[in-house]
Amino acid sequence: MNAPPNTARGPRRLGWPKRVFSQVLLIQLTIITGVTVLVTGLFLAPLSAQLDDQAMRRALAIAQSTAAQSRITTSLLTTEPTPGGPVQTAAERIRKATGAEYVVVMDRRGVRWSHTDSRQIGRVVSTDPSEALAGRDVMEIDSGTLGRSARGKVPLHDASDRIVGAVSVGIAYDSVRARLLAAIPGLLAYAGGALAVGALAAYLISRRLQRQTHDLAFSDISALLTEREAMLHSIREGVVALDGTGRIRLLNDEAQRLLGLGPDAAGRLLDEALGEGRTADVLAGRVVGDDLLTVRGNRVLLANRMPTDDGGAVATLRDRTELEHLGRELDSTRGLIDALRAQDHEHANRLHTLLGLLELEMHDDAMEFVTEVVGVHRATAEQVTERVNDPLLAALLVGKATVSAERGVALRMAPGTLLPDRLVDPRGLVTVLGNLVDNALDAAAGSADALIEVGLWAEGRTVVLRVRDSGAGVPSDQRESIFTEGWSTKELPAHGRRGLGLALVRRLAERQGGSVDVATAAEGGAVFTVVLPEALHQPEAPDARTPGTPLPTTGETP
């Protein structure tokens, strides 16, 4: 295993920080500052235009109010433009009352009749009054004799609604700028407050990120991810990671192989990817315990599950198929050794009997005794090979018959048994038959008239296998449980695991599209029936059995 990344802090240097916490904080502060400045600028730009518009509208309103006073029109038509005239007096009164910079009344020639600077009275205005004299209201920001101002110009009408002049009102632009500058400190205060709150939030988020990343640098995180990927895909144990919702977050190459899944399983719900069954229950935590056994396909898996802080879990899988196979072989070897040991005693007794007959010169009796002993075994082997043509199955049954005899259990073939040598998967059928016979032997041993009856028949390309024992039978409420991985009523064997034989039988049968059923035989005990469709190759010649021959029965049909 590689050493953990070095997280010791080195000497501080100016430049871009390396740690996740510092980089995220700096980035967030930069973004917050930039956004605050941008928003402040975007707010100030329309504010300036809004203040200009308000000043122009105010000037226009004052001009309209001035033009609405009839005495100004009358004075314009009946008097001369003088500094002390009635038009100047009325205009100055309005200017002082409204706070305008100037109120100018002019005739149709553009000659001023009023002005803030009395010396300008009688002179032509400095800006073009043609639009106002044409009868249109004007709002603008322009420069004149008094400087830059926000202006409003309106036509001046007499009693007959003829245009006799115009009124121009100006608002000093310095006052508009002053209002804008006066708003900036408050705006900056709000912006500063928002920036402070954003900086505090960024700091808190970065501190939380610092704790979650253990104050690592980005390079350290990248190295850890690379090492994790290398370890996950190189170890010979399956690893499955789940999130809090039961969705597959990660599975390595070995897990894909053991579970029969592809890379696209990541992101899917566990039950959706695996389907219903013990494997999904174990990985999801619905079955708890250490070193839980489960069967996936034809593989025996050992699973352990560890919850994670985020509500998910990490499960590890180990392939125990070969180990279970070796364990079963060890059990068979132990049973065979016990049988051979008992057979050795029986053989010694037979030799002593034969020696005694010879010493007594009872030669005919000795020959009859030898013929009887040899004939029993030969008859059993011939009976099996005549009815079961596949050599693997025949050898299995002959061996099981010997072991059964030594344990005091008779193994016989059911009437009508006949199986041709056309099996598609003889090894799979050997596994099925071997497990059923072993279970039947354990159940029948010690019972009165202990018996195992094995039947094998072909129906077209379908193989039907039936094993009956004289044991206590299987209670109806346990007929589904016995096919569950890990379920057993027997004592633990040498390799420490039980409850897989019948589960493997069902998996092998279902993999070939078949089924396994258990029922109670008419004579008592249990009868297991396995149906395997398309378990035989197409015959090259007509089948030895006559079509339509009824299937022999030894008990209740499941």
Protein backbone atom coordinates (compact mmCIF):
# COMPACT_ATOMS: atom_id res chain seq x y z
CA MET A 1 0.00 0.00 0.00
CA ASN A 2 1.28 3.44 -0.85
CA ALA A 3 2.07 5.87 1.95
CA PRO A 4 -0.61 8.52 2.67
CA PRO A 5 -0.05 11.88 0.98
CA ASN A 6 2.17 14.29 2.85
CA THR A 7 -0.11 16.94 4.35
CA ALA A 8 2.58 18.78 6.32
CA ARG A 9 2.51 22.52 5.64
CA GLY A 10 5.67 23.89 4.04
CA PRO A 11 6.97 27.45 4.25
CA ARG A 12 4.49 30.09 3.12
CA ARG A 13 5.14 31.49 -0.33
CA LEU A 14 3.37 34.10 -2.39
CA GLY A 15 1.43 32.79 -5.36
CA TRP A 16 -1.51 30.56 -6.08
CA PRO A 17 -2.31 28.37 -3.03
CA LYS A 18 -2.22 24.59 -3.39
CA ARG A 19 -4.75 23.45 -0.79
CA VAL A 20 -8.40 22.97 -1.65
CA PHE A 21 -9.56 25.16 1.24
CA SER A 22 -7.40 28.13 0.23
CA GLN A 23 -8.16 27.88 -3.47
CA VAL A 24 -11.90 27.62 -2.98
CA LEU A 25 -11.90 30.53 -0.51
CA LEU A 26 -9.85 32.73 -2.84
CA ILE A 27 -12.03 31.87 -5.83
CA GLN A 28 -15.22 32.55 -3.88
CA LEU A 29 -13.92 35.90 -2.58
CA THR A 30 -12.88 36.91 -6.11
CA ILE A 31 -16.30 35.99 -7.49
CA ILE A 32 -18.16 37.76 -4.68
CA THR A 33 -16.07 40.92 -5.06
CA GLY A 34 -16.49 40.93 -8.83
CA VAL A 35 -20.24 40.39 -8.60
CA THR A 36 -20.60 43.16 -5.99
CA VAL A 37 -18.65 45.64 -8.13
CA LEU A 38 -20.60 44.67 -11.23
CA VAL A 39 -23.98 44.98 -9.49
CA THR A 40 -22.98 48.35 -8.00
CA GLY A 41 -21.94 49.63 -11.43
CA LEU A 42 -25.09 48.29 -13.05
CA PHE A 43 -27.13 50.04 -10.36
CA LEU A 44 -25.31 53.37 -10.66
CA ALA A 45 -25.66 53.56 -14.45
CA PRO A 46 -29.49 53.60 -14.52
CA LEU A 47 -29.53 55.74 -11.36
CA SER A 48 -27.65 58.52 -13.16
CA ALA A 49 -30.02 58.34 -16.12
CA GLN A 50 -33.00 58.30 -13.77
CA LEU A 51 -31.79 61.41 -11.95
CA ASP A 52 -31.27 63.20 -15.29
CA ASP A 53 -34.78 62.28 -16.36
CA GLN A 54 -36.26 63.47 -13.08
CA ALA A 55 -34.44 66.83 -13.38
CA MET A 56 -35.63 67.35 -16.98
CA ARG A 57 -39.21 66.46 -16.07
CA ARG A 58 -39.09 68.84 -13.11
CA ALA A 59 -37.82 71.64 -15.39
CA LEU A 60 -40.57 70.86 -17.91
CA ALA A 61 -43.22 70.94 -15.18
CA ILE A 62 -42.05 74.35 -13.94
CA ALA A 63 -42.04 75.65 -17.54
CA GLN A 64 -45.58 74.37 -18.12
CA SER A 65 -46.80 75.96 -14.87
CA THR A 66 -45.17 79.27 -15.85
CA ALA A 67 -46.68 79.20 -19.34
CA ALA A 68 -50.11 78.59 -17.88
CA GLN A 69 -50.15 82.01 -16.12
CA SER A 70 -52.11 84.37 -18.43
CA ARG A 71 -50.70 87.59 -16.96
CA ILE A 72 -47.23 86.62 -18.19
CA THR A 73 -48.65 86.29 -21.72
CA THR A 74 -50.48 89.62 -21.41
CA SER A 75 -47.35 91.34 -20.09
CA LEU A 76 -45.30 89.86 -22.91
CA LEU A 77 -47.69 91.38 -25.46
CA THR A 78 -48.19 94.78 -23.82
CA THR A 79 -44.84 95.71 -22.27
CA GLU A 80 -41.19 96.01 -23.20
CA PRO A 81 -38.40 93.63 -22.09
CA THR A 82 -36.85 95.50 -19.15
CA PRO A 83 -35.11 94.33 -15.97
CA GLY A 84 -37.87 95.72 -13.79
CA GLY A 85 -40.77 94.72 -16.03
CA PRO A 86 -43.71 92.54 -14.92
CA VAL A 87 -42.47 89.49 -16.87
CA GLN A 88 -39.05 89.58 -15.13
CA THR A 89 -40.73 90.05 -11.75
CA ALA A 90 -43.09 87.08 -12.20
CA ALA A 91 -40.34 84.84 -13.58
CA GLU A 92 -37.97 85.59 -10.70
CA ARG A 93 -40.72 84.89 -8.19
CA ILE A 94 -41.33 81.47 -9.78
CA ARG A 95 -37.57 80.73 -9.96
CA LYS A 96 -37.04 81.43 -6.28
CA ALA A 97 -40.15 79.46 -5.28
CA THR A 98 -39.18 76.34 -7.26
CA GLY A 99 -35.40 76.40 -6.81
CA ALA A 100 -34.78 76.44 -10.55
CA GLU A 101 -31.51 77.79 -11.89
CA TYR A 102 -33.31 80.09 -14.32
CA VAL A 103 -36.78 80.88 -15.76
CA VAL A 104 -36.53 82.53 -19.17
CA VAL A 105 -39.54 83.96 -21.05
CA MET A 106 -38.92 84.81 -24.70
CA ASP A 107 -40.98 86.13 -27.58
CA ARG A 108 -41.23 84.63 -31.04
CA ARG A 109 -37.94 86.23 -32.06
CA GLY A 110 -36.08 84.44 -29.24
CA VAL A 111 -35.54 87.70 -27.30
CA ARG A 112 -35.37 87.24 -23.54
CA TRP A 113 -37.94 89.04 -21.35
CA SER A 114 -36.65 87.49 -18.17
CA HIS A 115 -33.36 86.02 -16.97
CA THR A 116 -31.43 85.43 -13.77
CA ASP A 117 -28.81 87.84 -15.06
CA SER A 118 -30.79 91.04 -15.79
CA ARG A 119 -28.13 92.10 -18.29
CA GLN A 120 -29.26 89.29 -20.61
CA ILE A 121 -32.81 90.72 -20.87
CA GLY A 122 -33.49 92.01 -24.37
CA ARG A 123 -30.88 89.73 -25.94
CA VAL A 124 -31.46 86.64 -28.05
CA VAL A 125 -31.23 83.29 -26.26
CA SER A 126 -28.03 81.25 -26.70
CA THR A 127 -29.76 77.97 -27.64
CA ASP A 128 -32.16 77.18 -30.46
CA PRO A 129 -35.82 77.79 -29.37
CA SER A 130 -37.35 76.66 -32.67
CA GLU A 131 -38.89 73.45 -31.39
CA ALA A 132 -40.65 75.14 -28.50
CA LEU A 133 -41.82 78.02 -30.78
CA ALA A 134 -43.14 75.34 -33.15
CA GLY A 135 -45.47 74.13 -30.40
CA ARG A 136 -43.53 71.14 -29.04
CA ASP A 137 -42.42 70.47 -25.48
CA VAL A 138 -38.67 69.93 -25.18
CA MET A 139 -36.63 68.09 -22.49
CA GLU A 140 -32.87 68.11 -22.79
CA ILE A 141 -29.55 68.51 -21.04
CA ASP A 142 -27.60 71.29 -22.67
CA SER A 143 -25.08 74.03 -21.97
CA GLY A 144 -25.92 77.74 -22.09
CA THR A 145 -24.81 81.07 -20.62
CA LEU A 146 -25.22 79.68 -17.09
CA GLY A 147 -23.46 76.39 -17.82
CA ARG A 148 -24.75 72.84 -18.18
CA SER A 149 -28.32 72.29 -17.01
CA ALA A 150 -31.37 70.06 -17.33
CA ARG A 151 -33.88 72.01 -19.39
CA GLY A 152 -37.56 72.06 -20.13
CA LYS A 153 -39.04 74.26 -22.90
CA VAL A 154 -42.75 74.81 -23.70
CA PRO A 155 -44.61 77.15 -26.09
CA LEU A 156 -46.42 80.21 -24.69
CA HIS A 157 -49.99 80.70 -26.00
CA ASP A 158 -52.25 83.79 -25.93
CA ALA A 159 -56.01 83.80 -25.35
CA SER A 160 -56.58 82.77 -28.99
CA ASP A 161 -54.19 79.83 -28.56
CA ARG A 162 -51.61 81.41 -30.82
CA ILE A 163 -47.96 80.84 -30.00
CA VAL A 164 -46.54 84.18 -28.95
CA GLY A 165 -43.35 82.95 -27.31
CA ALA A 166 -41.80 80.23 -25.17
CA VAL A 167 -40.75 79.50 -21.60
CA SER A 168 -37.39 77.81 -20.84
CA VAL A 169 -36.61 76.52 -17.33
CA GLY A 170 -33.25 75.10 -16.28
CA ILE A 171 -32.21 72.95 -13.32
CA ALA A 172 -28.51 73.21 -12.44
CA TYR A 173 -26.77 69.97 -13.45
CA ASP A 174 -24.51 70.28 -10.42
CA SER A 175 -27.51 69.53 -8.19
CA VAL A 176 -28.26 66.37 -10.20
CA ARG A 177 -24.64 65.25 -9.85
CA ALA A 178 -24.76 66.08 -6.15
CA ARG A 179 -27.78 63.81 -5.69
CA LEU A 180 -25.94 61.04 -7.51
CA LEU A 181 -22.82 61.47 -5.39
CA ALA A 182 -24.94 61.60 -2.26
CA ALA A 183 -26.45 58.19 -3.12
CA ILE A 184 -23.09 56.53 -3.69
CA PRO A 185 -22.01 56.24 0.02
CA GLY A 186 -25.24 54.50 0.95
CA LEU A 187 -24.99 52.21 -2.04
CA LEU A 188 -21.38 51.38 -1.20
CA ALA A 189 -22.39 50.69 2.39
CA TYR A 190 -25.01 48.17 1.21
CA ALA A 191 -22.52 46.68 -1.23
CA GLY A 192 -19.89 46.44 1.51
CA GLY A 193 -22.39 44.73 3.80
CA ALA A 194 -23.32 42.23 1.09
CA LEU A 195 -19.63 41.64 0.39
CA ALA A 196 -18.95 41.01 4.09
CA VAL A 197 -21.84 38.54 4.37
CA GLY A 198 -20.71 36.78 1.18
CA ALA A 199 -17.11 36.62 2.42
CA LEU A 200 -18.26 35.14 5.74
CA ALA A 201 -20.42 32.53 3.95
CA ALA A 202 -17.51 31.71 1.63
CA TYR A 203 -15.20 31.27 4.62
CA LEU A 204 -17.65 28.96 6.43
CA ILE A 205 -18.19 26.88 3.31
CA SER A 206 -14.46 26.66 2.72
CA ARG A 207 -13.84 25.61 6.33
CA ARG A 208 -16.40 22.82 5.96
CA LEU A 209 -14.74 21.77 2.73
CA GLN A 210 -11.39 21.85 4.53
CA ARG A 211 -12.68 19.41 7.16
CA GLN A 212 -14.22 17.11 4.54
CA THR A 213 -11.08 17.05 2.39
CA HIS A 214 -8.76 16.79 5.42
CA ASP A 215 -6.96 19.95 4.25
CA LEU A 216 -5.51 18.17 1.23
CA ALA A 217 -4.13 19.80 -1.86
CA PHE A 218 -5.70 19.15 -5.25
CA SER A 219 -2.63 17.19 -6.27
CA ASP A 220 -3.04 14.97 -3.19
CA ILE A 221 -6.70 14.33 -4.01
CA SER A 222 -5.80 13.48 -7.59
CA ALA A 223 -3.11 11.07 -6.37
CA LEU A 224 -5.54 9.44 -3.93
CA LEU A 225 -8.14 8.97 -6.65
CA THR A 226 -5.55 7.46 -8.96
CA GLU A 227 -4.35 5.08 -6.25
CA ARG A 228 -7.92 4.15 -5.36
CA GLU A 229 -8.75 3.29 -8.95
CA ALA A 230 -5.57 1.22 -9.24
CA MET A 231 -6.28 -0.68 -6.02
CA LEU A 232 -9.95 -1.30 -6.77
CA HIS A 233 -9.24 -2.71 -10.20
CA SER A 234 -6.21 -4.76 -9.18
CA ILE A 235 -7.42 -6.57 -6.04
CA ARG A 236 -8.98 -9.98 -6.48
CA GLU A 237 -11.93 -9.23 -4.23
CA GLY A 238 -15.18 -7.78 -5.51
CA VAL A 239 -16.00 -4.32 -4.12
CA VAL A 240 -19.46 -2.79 -4.39
CA ALA A 241 -20.16 0.72 -3.03
CA LEU A 242 -23.76 1.86 -2.46
CA ASP A 243 -25.15 5.29 -1.67
CA GLY A 244 -27.85 6.11 0.87
CA THR A 245 -30.67 5.33 -1.58
CA GLY A 246 -29.41 1.84 -2.40
CA ARG A 247 -27.99 2.88 -5.77
CA ILE A 248 -24.73 1.33 -6.99
CA ARG A 249 -22.07 4.00 -6.76
CA LEU A 250 -19.04 1.90 -7.71
CA LEU A 251 -18.11 -1.68 -8.50
CA ASN A 252 -14.70 -2.92 -9.53
CA ASP A 253 -13.77 -5.42 -12.23
CA GLU A 254 -13.88 -8.43 -9.90
CA ALA A 255 -17.35 -7.48 -8.62
CA GLN A 256 -18.58 -7.22 -12.21
CA ARG A 257 -17.20 -10.71 -12.90
CA LEU A 258 -18.60 -12.33 -9.76
CA LEU A 259 -22.05 -10.71 -10.04
CA GLY A 260 -22.30 -10.99 -13.80
CA LEU A 261 -22.82 -7.24 -14.24
CA GLY A 262 -21.42 -4.75 -16.71
CA PRO A 263 -19.96 -1.26 -16.18
CA ASP A 264 -23.39 0.22 -16.93
CA ALA A 265 -24.67 -1.16 -13.59
CA ALA A 266 -23.12 1.85 -11.81
CA GLY A 267 -25.86 4.37 -11.07
CA ARG A 268 -28.66 1.79 -11.04
CA LEU A 269 -30.60 0.61 -8.00
CA LEU A 270 -29.15 -2.57 -6.47
CA ASP A 271 -32.43 -4.53 -6.67
CA GLU A 272 -32.88 -3.42 -10.28
CA ALA A 273 -29.38 -4.53 -11.29
CA LEU A 274 -29.31 -7.86 -9.40
CA GLY A 275 -32.98 -8.76 -9.23
CA GLU A 276 -34.63 -10.33 -6.22
CA GLY A 277 -32.71 -12.90 -4.22
CA ARG A 278 -30.36 -13.47 -1.35
CA THR A 279 -27.42 -11.74 -3.04
CA ALA A 280 -29.35 -8.46 -3.29
CA ASP A 281 -30.61 -8.88 0.29
CA VAL A 282 -27.08 -9.43 1.62
CA LEU A 283 -25.56 -6.47 -0.23
CA ALA A 284 -28.49 -4.19 0.71
CA GLY A 285 -28.16 -5.09 4.40
CA ARG A 286 -31.52 -6.84 4.69
CA VAL A 287 -29.59 -9.92 5.85
CA VAL A 288 -27.03 -9.07 8.52
CA GLY A 289 -23.99 -10.92 9.76
CA ASP A 290 -20.35 -11.59 8.98
CA ASP A 291 -19.05 -13.80 6.17
CA LEU A 292 -22.52 -14.36 4.69
CA LEU A 293 -22.77 -17.00 1.98
CA THR A 294 -24.75 -16.41 -1.17
CA VAL A 295 -25.01 -18.05 -4.57
CA ARG A 296 -24.89 -15.95 -7.74
CA GLY A 297 -25.28 -18.02 -10.88
CA ASN A 298 -23.00 -21.01 -10.38
CA ARG A 299 -20.68 -19.15 -8.00
CA VAL A 300 -20.60 -19.37 -4.22
CA LEU A 301 -19.77 -15.94 -2.78
CA LEU A 302 -18.74 -14.82 0.69
CA ALA A 303 -20.00 -11.29 1.42
CA ASN A 304 -19.24 -8.73 4.12
CA ARG A 305 -20.89 -5.33 4.36
CA MET A 306 -19.69 -2.16 6.12
CA PRO A 307 -21.99 0.91 6.44
CA THR A 308 -20.58 4.37 5.63
CA ASP A 309 -21.24 7.72 7.30
CA ASP A 310 -23.40 9.02 4.44
CA GLY A 311 -25.97 6.22 4.85
CA GLY A 312 -24.48 4.02 2.14
CA ALA A 313 -22.31 0.94 2.44
CA VAL A 314 -19.31 -0.86 0.97
CA ALA A 315 -19.60 -4.61 0.42
CA THR A 316 -16.76 -7.01 -0.38
CA LEU A 317 -17.20 -10.31 -2.21
CA ARG A 318 -14.92 -13.33 -2.28
CA ASP A 319 -15.29 -16.28 -4.62
CA ARG A 320 -15.60 -19.48 -2.54
CA THR A 321 -16.73 -21.71 -5.40
CA GLU A 322 -13.52 -23.71 -5.53
CA LEU A 323 -13.22 -23.75 -1.74
CA GLU A 324 -16.77 -25.04 -1.37
CA HIS A 325 -16.06 -27.63 -4.02
CA LEU A 326 -12.94 -28.73 -2.15
CA GLY A 327 -14.89 -28.76 1.10
CA ARG A 328 -17.51 -31.03 -0.41
CA GLU A 329 -14.80 -33.26 -1.79
CA LEU A 330 -13.31 -33.36 1.70
CA ASP A 331 -16.68 -34.42 3.11
CA SER A 332 -16.98 -37.07 0.41
CA THR A 333 -13.43 -38.24 1.08
CA ARG A 334 -14.12 -38.48 4.81
CA GLY A 335 -17.26 -40.45 4.08
CA LEU A 336 -15.39 -42.69 1.67
CA ILE A 337 -12.61 -43.24 4.22
CA ASP A 338 -15.17 -44.21 6.85
CA ALA A 339 -16.81 -46.52 4.33
CA LEU A 340 -13.47 -48.07 3.39
CA ARG A 341 -12.63 -48.52 7.04
CA ALA A 342 -15.92 -50.31 7.61
CA GLN A 343 -15.42 -52.22 4.36
CA ASP A 344 -11.97 -53.27 5.58
CA HIS A 345 -13.51 -54.80 8.69
CA GLU A 346 -16.19 -56.47 6.59
CA HIS A 347 -13.57 -57.74 4.15
CA ALA A 348 -11.50 -59.15 6.99
CA ASN A 349 -14.55 -60.95 8.33
CA ARG A 350 -15.27 -62.38 4.89
CA LEU A 351 -11.65 -63.56 4.51
CA HIS A 352 -11.81 -65.24 7.90
CA THR A 353 -15.04 -66.92 6.91
CA LEU A 354 -13.53 -68.03 3.60
CA LEU A 355 -10.39 -69.31 5.38
CA GLY A 356 -12.50 -71.28 7.81
CA LEU A 357 -14.49 -72.89 5.00
CA LEU A 358 -11.30 -73.86 3.23
CA GLU A 359 -9.72 -75.27 6.38
CA LEU A 360 -12.86 -77.33 6.92
CA GLU A 361 -12.49 -78.48 3.30
CA MET A 362 -15.96 -77.15 2.51
CA HIS A 363 -14.90 -76.12 -0.97
CA ASP A 364 -18.34 -75.96 -2.52
CA ASP A 365 -19.59 -73.73 0.25
CA ALA A 366 -16.51 -71.51 -0.11
CA MET A 367 -17.13 -71.10 -3.84
CA GLU A 368 -20.78 -70.28 -3.25
CA PHE A 369 -19.83 -67.71 -0.59
CA VAL A 370 -17.32 -65.95 -2.89
CA THR A 371 -19.79 -65.95 -5.79
CA GLU A 372 -22.49 -64.40 -3.62
CA VAL A 373 -20.23 -61.61 -2.28
CA VAL A 374 -18.83 -60.68 -5.70
CA GLY A 375 -22.21 -60.97 -7.36
CA VAL A 376 -23.85 -58.37 -5.14
CA HIS A 377 -21.43 -55.62 -6.18
CA ARG A 378 -21.38 -56.74 -9.80
CA ALA A 379 -25.18 -56.79 -9.92
CA THR A 380 -25.36 -53.27 -8.56
CA ALA A 381 -22.87 -51.96 -11.13
CA GLU A 382 -24.57 -53.80 -14.00
CA GLN A 383 -27.99 -52.59 -12.92
CA VAL A 384 -26.79 -48.97 -12.98
CA THR A 385 -24.86 -49.09 -16.26
CA GLU A 386 -27.72 -50.84 -18.07
CA ARG A 387 -30.17 -48.05 -17.16
CA VAL A 388 -27.88 -45.02 -17.05
CA ASN A 389 -25.76 -44.85 -20.19
CA ASP A 390 -23.78 -41.74 -19.29
CA PRO A 391 -20.47 -42.92 -17.73
CA LEU A 392 -20.15 -39.99 -15.26
CA LEU A 393 -23.64 -40.47 -13.83
CA ALA A 394 -23.23 -44.26 -13.75
CA ALA A 395 -19.91 -44.00 -11.89
CA LEU A 396 -21.46 -41.54 -9.43
CA LEU A 397 -24.38 -43.86 -8.68
CA VAL A 398 -22.13 -46.92 -8.26
CA GLY A 399 -19.93 -45.01 -5.82
CA LYS A 400 -22.92 -43.65 -3.92
CA ALA A 401 -24.38 -47.15 -3.73
CA THR A 402 -21.20 -48.43 -2.07
CA VAL A 403 -21.14 -45.56 0.45
CA SER A 404 -24.86 -46.00 1.14
CA ALA A 405 -24.45 -49.71 1.76
CA GLU A 406 -21.71 -49.09 4.30
CA ARG A 407 -24.02 -46.64 6.13
CA GLY A 408 -26.82 -49.17 6.19
CA VAL A 409 -28.90 -47.52 3.43
CA ALA A 410 -30.00 -49.35 0.31
CA LEU A 411 -29.72 -47.40 -2.96
CA ARG A 412 -31.80 -48.74 -5.81
CA MET A 413 -32.90 -47.58 -9.22
CA ALA A 414 -36.56 -46.71 -9.72
CA PRO A 415 -38.53 -48.95 -12.10
CA GLY A 416 -38.45 -47.68 -15.67
CA THR A 417 -35.22 -45.71 -15.23
CA LEU A 418 -33.52 -45.19 -18.58
CA LEU A 419 -31.22 -42.33 -19.56
CA PRO A 420 -29.37 -42.25 -22.92
CA ASP A 421 -25.81 -41.05 -23.34
CA ARG A 422 -26.77 -37.73 -24.95
CA LEU A 423 -26.40 -35.27 -22.06
CA VAL A 424 -25.58 -31.67 -22.96
CA ASP A 425 -24.03 -30.92 -19.54
CA PRO A 426 -23.23 -34.18 -17.73
CA ARG A 427 -21.12 -32.42 -15.08
CA GLY A 428 -24.03 -30.16 -14.15
CA LEU A 429 -26.33 -33.17 -13.78
CA VAL A 430 -23.66 -34.92 -11.69
CA THR A 431 -23.68 -31.95 -9.32
CA VAL A 432 -27.48 -32.00 -9.10
CA LEU A 433 -27.73 -35.75 -8.57
CA GLY A 434 -24.78 -35.87 -6.16
CA ASN A 435 -26.26 -33.19 -3.90
CA LEU A 436 -29.71 -34.80 -3.88
CA VAL A 437 -28.31 -38.27 -3.12
CA ASP A 438 -26.08 -36.90 -0.32
CA ASN A 439 -29.05 -35.14 1.29
CA ALA A 440 -31.20 -38.25 0.89
CA LEU A 441 -28.46 -40.40 2.46
CA ASP A 442 -28.23 -38.09 5.48
CA ALA A 443 -32.03 -38.13 5.84
CA ALA A 444 -32.46 -41.90 5.41
CA ALA A 445 -29.51 -43.03 7.57
CA GLY A 446 -30.77 -44.49 10.82
CA SER A 447 -34.38 -44.91 9.68
CA ALA A 448 -36.21 -48.23 9.55
CA ASP A 449 -35.67 -50.03 6.21
CA ALA A 450 -33.43 -47.18 5.13
CA LEU A 451 -33.78 -46.66 1.38
CA ILE A 452 -32.86 -44.23 -1.41
CA GLU A 453 -34.57 -44.60 -4.76
CA VAL A 454 -33.16 -42.79 -7.80
CA GLY A 455 -35.04 -42.37 -11.06
CA LEU A 456 -33.78 -40.85 -14.33
CA TRP A 457 -35.95 -40.55 -17.42
CA ALA A 458 -35.80 -38.84 -20.80
CA GLU A 459 -38.86 -37.22 -22.35
CA GLY A 460 -37.75 -36.01 -25.73
CA ARG A 461 -34.87 -33.65 -24.92
CA THR A 462 -36.06 -33.17 -21.31
CA VAL A 463 -34.46 -35.03 -18.41
CA VAL A 464 -36.54 -35.81 -15.31
CA LEU A 465 -34.63 -36.75 -12.16
CA ARG A 466 -36.36 -38.01 -9.03
CA VAL A 467 -34.75 -38.96 -5.69
CA ARG A 468 -36.83 -40.43 -2.87
CA ASP A 469 -35.64 -41.27 0.65
CA SER A 470 -37.14 -43.02 3.63
CA GLY A 471 -36.32 -40.25 6.06
CA ALA A 472 -38.60 -37.97 8.05
CA GLY A 473 -39.55 -35.83 5.03
CA VAL A 474 -39.63 -32.05 4.68
CA PRO A 475 -42.36 -30.11 6.53
CA SER A 476 -44.58 -28.13 4.19
CA ASP A 477 -43.63 -24.82 5.82
CA GLN A 478 -39.93 -25.44 5.08
CA ARG A 479 -40.15 -26.52 1.45
CA GLU A 480 -39.05 -23.11 0.17
CA SER A 481 -36.53 -22.44 2.95
CA ILE A 482 -34.45 -25.52 2.15
CA PHE A 483 -33.46 -23.96 -1.19
CA THR A 484 -32.15 -20.80 0.50
CA GLU A 485 -28.38 -20.30 0.74
CA GLY A 486 -27.11 -20.93 4.25
CA TRP A 487 -30.24 -22.76 5.47
CA SER A 488 -29.53 -26.17 6.99
CA THR A 489 -30.58 -28.39 9.88
CA LYS A 490 -27.32 -30.39 9.86
CA GLU A 491 -24.20 -29.94 11.91
CA LEU A 492 -21.34 -27.96 10.37
CA PRO A 493 -18.92 -30.06 8.30
CA ALA A 494 -15.15 -29.81 8.35
CA HIS A 495 -15.05 -26.77 6.10
CA GLY A 496 -17.52 -24.93 8.32
CA ARG A 497 -20.34 -24.20 5.82
CA ARG A 498 -23.66 -25.83 5.01
CA GLY A 499 -26.87 -24.88 3.25
CA LEU A 500 -25.49 -24.60 -0.29
CA GLY A 501 -26.25 -27.97 -1.89
CA LEU A 502 -29.96 -27.50 -2.58
CA ALA A 503 -29.41 -23.83 -3.45
CA LEU A 504 -26.90 -24.91 -6.12
CA VAL A 505 -29.33 -27.55 -7.35
CA ARG A 506 -32.05 -24.94 -7.86
CA ARG A 507 -29.64 -22.49 -9.52
CA LEU A 508 -28.34 -25.13 -11.93
CA ALA A 509 -31.88 -26.21 -12.78
CA GLU A 510 -33.16 -22.66 -13.28
CA ARG A 511 -30.12 -21.77 -15.38
CA GLN A 512 -31.23 -24.46 -17.85
CA GLY A 513 -34.84 -23.27 -17.69
CA GLY A 514 -35.88 -26.13 -15.40
CA SER A 515 -37.34 -26.46 -11.92
CA VAL A 516 -36.89 -28.28 -8.61
CA ASP A 517 -39.79 -29.40 -6.41
CA VAL A 518 -40.07 -31.29 -3.16
CA ALA A 519 -43.04 -33.27 -1.88
CA THR A 520 -43.89 -36.09 0.50
CA ALA A 521 -43.66 -39.60 -0.94
CA ALA A 522 -46.57 -41.99 -0.56
CA GLU A 523 -44.32 -44.37 1.41
CA GLY A 524 -43.13 -41.50 3.64
CA GLY A 525 -39.99 -39.44 3.39
CA ALA A 526 -39.16 -36.75 0.87
CA VAL A 527 -39.15 -36.92 -2.90
CA PHE A 528 -37.24 -34.35 -4.95
CA THR A 529 -38.11 -33.92 -8.63
CA VAL A 530 -35.87 -31.99 -11.03
CA VAL A 531 -37.01 -31.18 -14.56
CA LEU A 532 -34.30 -30.05 -17.02
CA PRO A 533 -35.62 -29.04 -20.48
CA GLU A 534 -33.28 -29.45 -23.45
CA ALA A 535 -30.75 -31.36 -21.33
CA LEU A 536 -30.23 -33.92 -24.11
CA HIS A 537 -28.82 -33.58 -27.61
CA GLN A 538 -31.07 -34.42 -30.52
CA PRO A 539 -31.08 -38.21 -30.96
CA GLU A 540 -29.40 -39.64 -34.02
CA ALA A 541 -31.74 -42.60 -33.90
CA PRO A 542 -35.21 -43.15 -32.39
CA ASP A 543 -35.21 -43.12 -28.60
CA ALA A 544 -35.14 -46.53 -26.91
CA ARG A 545 -38.21 -45.67 -24.90
CA THR A 546 -41.56 -45.98 -26.57
CA PRO A 547 -43.18 -42.57 -26.97
CA GLY A 548 -46.13 -42.14 -24.71
CA THR A 549 -44.80 -44.44 -21.99
CA PRO A 550 -46.07 -42.99 -18.70
CA LEU A 551 -43.48 -41.61 -16.29
CA PRO A 552 -43.02 -44.03 -13.38
CA THR A 553 -43.95 -42.60 -10.02
CA THR A 554 -42.71 -43.41 -6.55
CA GLY A 555 -44.88 -41.08 -4.54
CA GLU A 556 -46.97 -37.96 -4.69
CA THR A 557 -46.34 -35.61 -7.58
CA PRO A 558 -45.05 -32.29 -6.32
